[in-house]
PDB file of all heavy atoms in Angstrom:
ATOM      1  N   ALA A   1      -0.257   6.571   2.411  1.00  0.00           N
ATOM      2  CA  ALA A   1       0.060   7.878   3.139  1.00  0.00           C
ATOM      3  C   ALA A   1      -1.272   8.443   3.630  1.00  0.00           C
ATOM      4  O   ALA A   1      -2.245   8.404   2.880  1.00  0.00           O
ATOM      5  CB  ALA A   1       0.878   8.823   2.238  1.00  0.00           C
ATOM      6  N   THR A   2      -1.210   8.979   4.796  1.00  0.00           N
ATOM      7  CA  THR A   2      -2.443   9.766   5.270  1.00  0.00           C
ATOM      8  C   THR A   2      -1.991  11.161   5.839  1.00  0.00           C
ATOM      9  O   THR A   2      -0.829  11.236   6.180  1.00  0.00           O
ATOM     10  CB  THR A   2      -3.243   8.941   6.352  1.00  0.00           C
ATOM     11  OG1 THR A   2      -2.373   8.674   7.480  1.00  0.00           O
ATOM     12  CG2 THR A   2      -3.769   7.628   5.798  1.00  0.00           C
ATOM     13  N   GLN A   3      -3.005  11.991   5.910  1.00  0.00           N
ATOM     14  CA  GLN A   3      -2.720  13.314   6.496  1.00  0.00           C
ATOM     15  C   GLN A   3      -3.947  13.680   7.203  1.00  0.00           C
ATOM     16  O   GLN A   3      -5.019  13.776   6.742  1.00  0.00           O
ATOM     17  CB  GLN A   3      -2.325  14.356   5.426  1.00  0.00           C
ATOM     18  CG  GLN A   3      -1.831  15.669   5.984  1.00  0.00           C
ATOM     19  CD  GLN A   3      -1.434  16.628   4.905  1.00  0.00           C
ATOM     20  OE1 GLN A   3      -2.152  17.123   4.116  1.00  0.00           O
ATOM     21  NE2 GLN A   3      -0.065  16.880   5.039  1.00  0.00           N
ATOM     22  N   THR A   4      -3.719  14.029   8.510  1.00  0.00           N
ATOM     23  CA  THR A   4      -4.867  14.646   9.357  1.00  0.00           C
ATOM     24  C   THR A   4      -5.154  16.034   8.949  1.00  0.00           C
ATOM     25  O   THR A   4      -4.422  16.674   8.275  1.00  0.00           O
ATOM     26  CB  THR A   4      -4.572  14.465  10.763  1.00  0.00           C
ATOM     27  OG1 THR A   4      -3.499  15.282  11.198  1.00  0.00           O
ATOM     28  CG2 THR A   4      -4.207  13.002  11.170  1.00  0.00           C
ATOM     29  N   PHE A   5      -6.319  16.500   9.503  1.00  0.00           N
ATOM     30  CA  PHE A   5      -6.776  17.952   9.345  1.00  0.00           C
ATOM     31  C   PHE A   5      -5.609  18.893   9.746  1.00  0.00           C
ATOM     32  O   PHE A   5      -5.421  19.908   9.108  1.00  0.00           O
ATOM     33  CB  PHE A   5      -8.093  18.208   9.908  1.00  0.00           C
ATOM     34  CG  PHE A   5      -8.547  19.566   9.669  1.00  0.00           C
ATOM     35  CD1 PHE A   5      -9.104  19.891   8.506  1.00  0.00           C
ATOM     36  CD2 PHE A   5      -8.458  20.606  10.695  1.00  0.00           C
ATOM     37  CE1 PHE A   5      -9.532  21.281   8.236  1.00  0.00           C
ATOM     38  CE2 PHE A   5      -8.846  21.816  10.405  1.00  0.00           C
ATOM     39  CZ  PHE A   5      -9.475  22.160   9.288  1.00  0.00           C
ATOM     40  N   ASP A   6      -4.933  18.462  10.844  1.00  0.00           N
ATOM     41  CA  ASP A   6      -3.866  19.421  11.369  1.00  0.00           C
ATOM     42  C   ASP A   6      -2.487  18.994  10.788  1.00  0.00           C
ATOM     43  O   ASP A   6      -1.474  19.357  11.491  1.00  0.00           O
ATOM     44  CB  ASP A   6      -3.982  19.446  12.864  1.00  0.00           C
ATOM     45  CG  ASP A   6      -3.765  18.026  13.484  1.00  0.00           C
ATOM     46  OD1 ASP A   6      -3.699  17.049  12.684  1.00  0.00           O
ATOM     47  OD2 ASP A   6      -3.809  17.835  14.716  1.00  0.00           O
ATOM     48  N   SER A   7      -2.470  18.395   9.604  1.00  0.00           N
ATOM     49  CA  SER A   7      -1.330  18.145   8.979  1.00  0.00           C
ATOM     50  C   SER A   7      -0.376  17.105   9.463  1.00  0.00           C
ATOM     51  O   SER A   7       0.777  17.036   8.893  1.00  0.00           O
ATOM     52  CB  SER A   7      -0.542  19.412   8.584  1.00  0.00           C
ATOM     53  OG  SER A   7      -1.404  20.309   7.910  1.00  0.00           O
ATOM     54  N   TYR A   8      -0.723  16.271  10.434  1.00  0.00           N
ATOM     55  CA  TYR A   8       0.040  15.126  10.797  1.00  0.00           C
ATOM     56  C   TYR A   8       0.014  14.112   9.646  1.00  0.00           C
ATOM     57  O   TYR A   8      -1.047  13.766   9.147  1.00  0.00           O
ATOM     58  CB  TYR A   8      -0.434  14.557  12.056  1.00  0.00           C
ATOM     59  CG  TYR A   8       0.190  13.249  12.394  1.00  0.00           C
ATOM     60  CD1 TYR A   8       1.580  13.212  13.059  1.00  0.00           C
ATOM     61  CD2 TYR A   8      -0.224  12.011  12.103  1.00  0.00           C
ATOM     62  CE1 TYR A   8       2.165  12.048  13.334  1.00  0.00           C
ATOM     63  CE2 TYR A   8       0.336  10.832  12.425  1.00  0.00           C
ATOM     64  CZ  TYR A   8       1.618  10.848  12.977  1.00  0.00           C
ATOM     65  OH  TYR A   8       2.229   9.652  13.290  1.00  0.00           O
ATOM     66  N   THR A   9       1.267  13.694   9.208  1.00  0.00           N
ATOM     67  CA  THR A   9       1.305  12.754   8.171  1.00  0.00           C
ATOM     68  C   THR A   9       1.921  11.384   8.533  1.00  0.00           C
ATOM     69  O   THR A   9       2.665  11.317   9.514  1.00  0.00           O
ATOM     70  CB  THR A   9       2.237  13.399   6.943  1.00  0.00           C
ATOM     71  OG1 THR A   9       3.512  13.606   7.420  1.00  0.00           O
ATOM     72  CG2 THR A   9       1.578  14.573   6.439  1.00  0.00           C
ATOM     73  N   ASN A  10       1.535  10.380   7.901  1.00  0.00           N
ATOM     74  CA  ASN A  10       1.975   9.077   8.141  1.00  0.00           C
ATOM     75  C   ASN A  10       2.204   8.370   6.830  1.00  0.00           C
ATOM     76  O   ASN A  10       1.328   8.351   5.906  1.00  0.00           O
ATOM     77  CB  ASN A  10       0.999   8.304   8.902  1.00  0.00           C
ATOM     78  CG  ASN A  10       1.401   6.900   9.255  1.00  0.00           C
ATOM     79  OD1 ASN A  10       2.587   6.712   9.673  1.00  0.00           O
ATOM     80  ND2 ASN A  10       0.472   5.968   9.231  1.00  0.00           N
ATOM     81  N   TYR A  11       3.391   7.797   6.631  1.00  0.00           N
ATOM     82  CA  TYR A  11       3.764   7.062   5.377  1.00  0.00           C
ATOM     83  C   TYR A  11       4.089   5.518   5.653  1.00  0.00           C
ATOM     84  O   TYR A  11       4.757   5.229   6.608  1.00  0.00           O
ATOM     85  CB  TYR A  11       5.022   7.740   4.737  1.00  0.00           C
ATOM     86  CG  TYR A  11       4.756   9.053   4.208  1.00  0.00           C
ATOM     87  CD1 TYR A  11       5.004  10.188   4.967  1.00  0.00           C
ATOM     88  CD2 TYR A  11       4.137   9.302   3.013  1.00  0.00           C
ATOM     89  CE1 TYR A  11       4.950  11.466   4.552  1.00  0.00           C
ATOM     90  CE2 TYR A  11       4.104  10.565   2.398  1.00  0.00           C
ATOM     91  CZ  TYR A  11       4.402  11.710   3.146  1.00  0.00           C
ATOM     92  OH  TYR A  11       4.232  12.961   2.733  1.00  0.00           O
ATOM     93  N   ALA A  12       3.708   4.666   4.657  1.00  0.00           N
ATOM     94  CA  ALA A  12       4.169   3.361   4.764  1.00  0.00           C
ATOM     95  C   ALA A  12       5.716   3.391   4.562  1.00  0.00           C
ATOM     96  O   ALA A  12       6.300   4.163   3.888  1.00  0.00           O
ATOM     97  CB  ALA A  12       3.644   2.624   3.572  1.00  0.00           C
ATOM     98  N   ASP A  13       6.427   2.461   5.192  1.00  0.00           N
ATOM     99  CA  ASP A  13       7.810   2.417   5.179  1.00  0.00           C
ATOM    100  C   ASP A  13       8.399   2.283   3.662  1.00  0.00           C
ATOM    101  O   ASP A  13       9.378   2.842   3.265  1.00  0.00           O
ATOM    102  CB  ASP A  13       8.324   1.276   6.039  1.00  0.00           C
ATOM    103  CG  ASP A  13       8.316   1.511   7.389  1.00  0.00           C
ATOM    104  OD1 ASP A  13       8.111   2.646   7.839  1.00  0.00           O
ATOM    105  OD2 ASP A  13       8.435   0.523   8.189  1.00  0.00           O
ATOM    106  N   SER A  14       7.586   1.550   2.912  1.00  0.00           N
ATOM    107  CA  SER A  14       8.026   1.292   1.494  1.00  0.00           C
ATOM    108  C   SER A  14       7.969   2.454   0.695  1.00  0.00           C
ATOM    109  O   SER A  14       8.631   2.408  -0.482  1.00  0.00           O
ATOM    110  CB  SER A  14       7.159   0.156   0.933  1.00  0.00           C
ATOM    111  OG  SER A  14       5.738   0.569   0.891  1.00  0.00           O
ATOM    112  N   VAL A  15       7.345   3.601   0.979  1.00  0.00           N
ATOM    113  CA  VAL A  15       7.214   4.888   0.123  1.00  0.00           C
ATOM    114  C   VAL A  15       7.890   6.040   0.738  1.00  0.00           C
ATOM    115  O   VAL A  15       7.963   7.084   0.233  1.00  0.00           O
ATOM    116  CB  VAL A  15       5.725   5.085  -0.166  1.00  0.00           C
ATOM    117  CG1 VAL A  15       5.055   3.826  -0.840  1.00  0.00           C
ATOM    118  CG2 VAL A  15       5.004   5.609   1.018  1.00  0.00           C
ATOM    119  N   GLU A  16       8.269   5.882   2.047  1.00  0.00           N
ATOM    120  CA  GLU A  16       8.812   6.976   2.788  1.00  0.00           C
ATOM    121  C   GLU A  16       9.999   7.489   2.035  1.00  0.00           C
ATOM    122  O   GLU A  16      10.908   6.756   1.516  1.00  0.00           O
ATOM    123  CB  GLU A  16       9.328   6.550   4.201  1.00  0.00           C
ATOM    124  CG  GLU A  16       9.982   7.559   5.032  1.00  0.00           C
ATOM    125  CD  GLU A  16       8.874   8.408   5.770  1.00  0.00           C
ATOM    126  OE1 GLU A  16       8.051   7.769   6.415  1.00  0.00           O
ATOM    127  OE2 GLU A  16       8.967   9.614   5.643  1.00  0.00           O
ATOM    128  N   GLY A  17      10.107   8.835   1.840  1.00  0.00           N
ATOM    129  CA  GLY A  17      11.217   9.470   1.017  1.00  0.00           C
ATOM    130  C   GLY A  17      10.905   9.587  -0.408  1.00  0.00           C
ATOM    131  O   GLY A  17      11.635  10.213  -1.106  1.00  0.00           O
ATOM    132  N   ARG A  18       9.993   8.858  -0.899  1.00  0.00           N
ATOM    133  CA  ARG A  18       9.733   8.839  -2.366  1.00  0.00           C
ATOM    134  C   ARG A  18       8.362   9.328  -2.702  1.00  0.00           C
ATOM    135  O   ARG A  18       8.151  10.060  -3.787  1.00  0.00           O
ATOM    136  CB  ARG A  18       9.682   7.459  -2.929  1.00  0.00           C
ATOM    137  CG  ARG A  18      11.066   6.591  -2.751  1.00  0.00           C
ATOM    138  CD  ARG A  18      11.072   5.299  -3.510  1.00  0.00           C
ATOM    139  NE  ARG A  18      10.082   4.434  -3.059  1.00  0.00           N
ATOM    140  CZ  ARG A  18       9.054   3.880  -3.723  1.00  0.00           C
ATOM    141  NH1 ARG A  18       8.939   4.243  -5.014  1.00  0.00           N
ATOM    142  NH2 ARG A  18       8.202   3.047  -3.232  1.00  0.00           N
ATOM    143  N   PHE A  19       7.396   9.228  -1.831  1.00  0.00           N
ATOM    144  CA  PHE A  19       6.042   9.769  -2.021  1.00  0.00           C
ATOM    145  C   PHE A  19       5.802  10.941  -1.098  1.00  0.00           C
ATOM    146  O   PHE A  19       6.343  10.931   0.127  1.00  0.00           O
ATOM    147  CB  PHE A  19       4.947   8.652  -1.758  1.00  0.00           C
ATOM    148  CG  PHE A  19       4.903   7.571  -2.685  1.00  0.00           C
ATOM    149  CD1 PHE A  19       5.897   7.408  -3.706  1.00  0.00           C
ATOM    150  CD2 PHE A  19       3.818   6.705  -2.713  1.00  0.00           C
ATOM    151  CE1 PHE A  19       5.766   6.438  -4.595  1.00  0.00           C
ATOM    152  CE2 PHE A  19       3.830   5.568  -3.596  1.00  0.00           C
ATOM    153  CZ  PHE A  19       4.891   5.480  -4.572  1.00  0.00           C
ATOM    154  N   THR A  20       4.968  11.943  -1.483  1.00  0.00           N
ATOM    155  CA  THR A  20       4.631  12.968  -0.599  1.00  0.00           C
ATOM    156  C   THR A  20       3.180  13.246  -0.757  1.00  0.00           C
ATOM    157  O   THR A  20       2.594  13.411  -1.929  1.00  0.00           O
ATOM    158  CB  THR A  20       5.310  14.336  -1.074  1.00  0.00           C
ATOM    159  OG1 THR A  20       6.854  14.078  -1.082  1.00  0.00           O
ATOM    160  CG2 THR A  20       5.083  15.466  -0.201  1.00  0.00           C
ATOM    161  N   ILE A  21       2.430  13.368   0.289  1.00  0.00           N
ATOM    162  CA  ILE A  21       1.020  13.634   0.422  1.00  0.00           C
ATOM    163  C   ILE A  21       0.892  15.169   0.839  1.00  0.00           C
ATOM    164  O   ILE A  21       1.705  15.687   1.603  1.00  0.00           O
ATOM    165  CB  ILE A  21       0.272  12.734   1.473  1.00  0.00           C
ATOM    166  CG1 ILE A  21      -1.148  12.908   1.361  1.00  0.00           C
ATOM    167  CG2 ILE A  21       0.801  12.966   2.862  1.00  0.00           C
ATOM    168  CD1 ILE A  21      -2.042  11.886   2.172  1.00  0.00           C
ATOM    169  N   SER A  22      -0.046  15.674   0.173  1.00  0.00           N
ATOM    170  CA  SER A  22      -0.462  17.086   0.464  1.00  0.00           C
ATOM    171  C   SER A  22      -1.872  17.334   0.246  1.00  0.00           C
ATOM    172  O   SER A  22      -2.564  16.559  -0.344  1.00  0.00           O
ATOM    173  CB  SER A  22       0.366  18.097  -0.389  1.00  0.00           C
ATOM    174  OG  SER A  22       0.090  17.833  -1.766  1.00  0.00           O
ATOM    175  N   ARG A  23      -2.332  18.532   0.866  1.00  0.00           N
ATOM    176  CA  ARG A  23      -3.875  18.734   0.733  1.00  0.00           C
ATOM    177  C   ARG A  23      -4.017  20.214   0.490  1.00  0.00           C
ATOM    178  O   ARG A  23      -3.224  21.134   0.826  1.00  0.00           O
ATOM    179  CB  ARG A  23      -4.515  18.394   2.111  1.00  0.00           C
ATOM    180  CG  ARG A  23      -4.755  16.968   2.187  1.00  0.00           C
ATOM    181  CD  ARG A  23      -5.341  16.665   3.689  1.00  0.00           C
ATOM    182  NE  ARG A  23      -6.446  17.328   3.912  1.00  0.00           N
ATOM    183  CZ  ARG A  23      -7.172  17.214   5.120  1.00  0.00           C
ATOM    184  NH1 ARG A  23      -6.654  16.623   6.162  1.00  0.00           N
ATOM    185  NH2 ARG A  23      -8.233  17.981   5.290  1.00  0.00           N
ATOM    186  N   ASP A  24      -5.084  20.457  -0.221  1.00  0.00           N
ATOM    187  CA  ASP A  24      -5.632  21.825  -0.299  1.00  0.00           C
ATOM    188  C   ASP A  24      -7.015  21.819   0.284  1.00  0.00           C
ATOM    189  O   ASP A  24      -7.978  21.340  -0.271  1.00  0.00           O
ATOM    190  CB  ASP A  24      -5.673  22.082  -1.867  1.00  0.00           C
ATOM    191  CG  ASP A  24      -6.227  23.597  -2.193  1.00  0.00           C
ATOM    192  OD1 ASP A  24      -6.895  24.131  -1.301  1.00  0.00           O
ATOM    193  OD2 ASP A  24      -5.816  24.120  -3.250  1.00  0.00           O
ATOM    194  N   ASN A  25      -7.045  22.337   1.535  1.00  0.00           N
ATOM    195  CA  ASN A  25      -8.191  22.290   2.359  1.00  0.00           C
ATOM    196  C   ASN A  25      -9.340  23.103   1.692  1.00  0.00           C
ATOM    197  O   ASN A  25     -10.538  22.816   1.855  1.00  0.00           O
ATOM    198  CB  ASN A  25      -7.912  22.740   3.729  1.00  0.00           C
ATOM    199  CG  ASN A  25      -7.126  21.692   4.546  1.00  0.00           C
ATOM    200  OD1 ASN A  25      -7.245  20.548   4.254  1.00  0.00           O
ATOM    201  ND2 ASN A  25      -6.363  22.237   5.386  1.00  0.00           N
TER     202      ASN A  25
END
């Protein structure tokens, strides 16, 4: 999973719906 500075997120298909990425800038 990745998250850009403007909060666009991308997940691998295998973890979509189970993993959540978040950031504290």
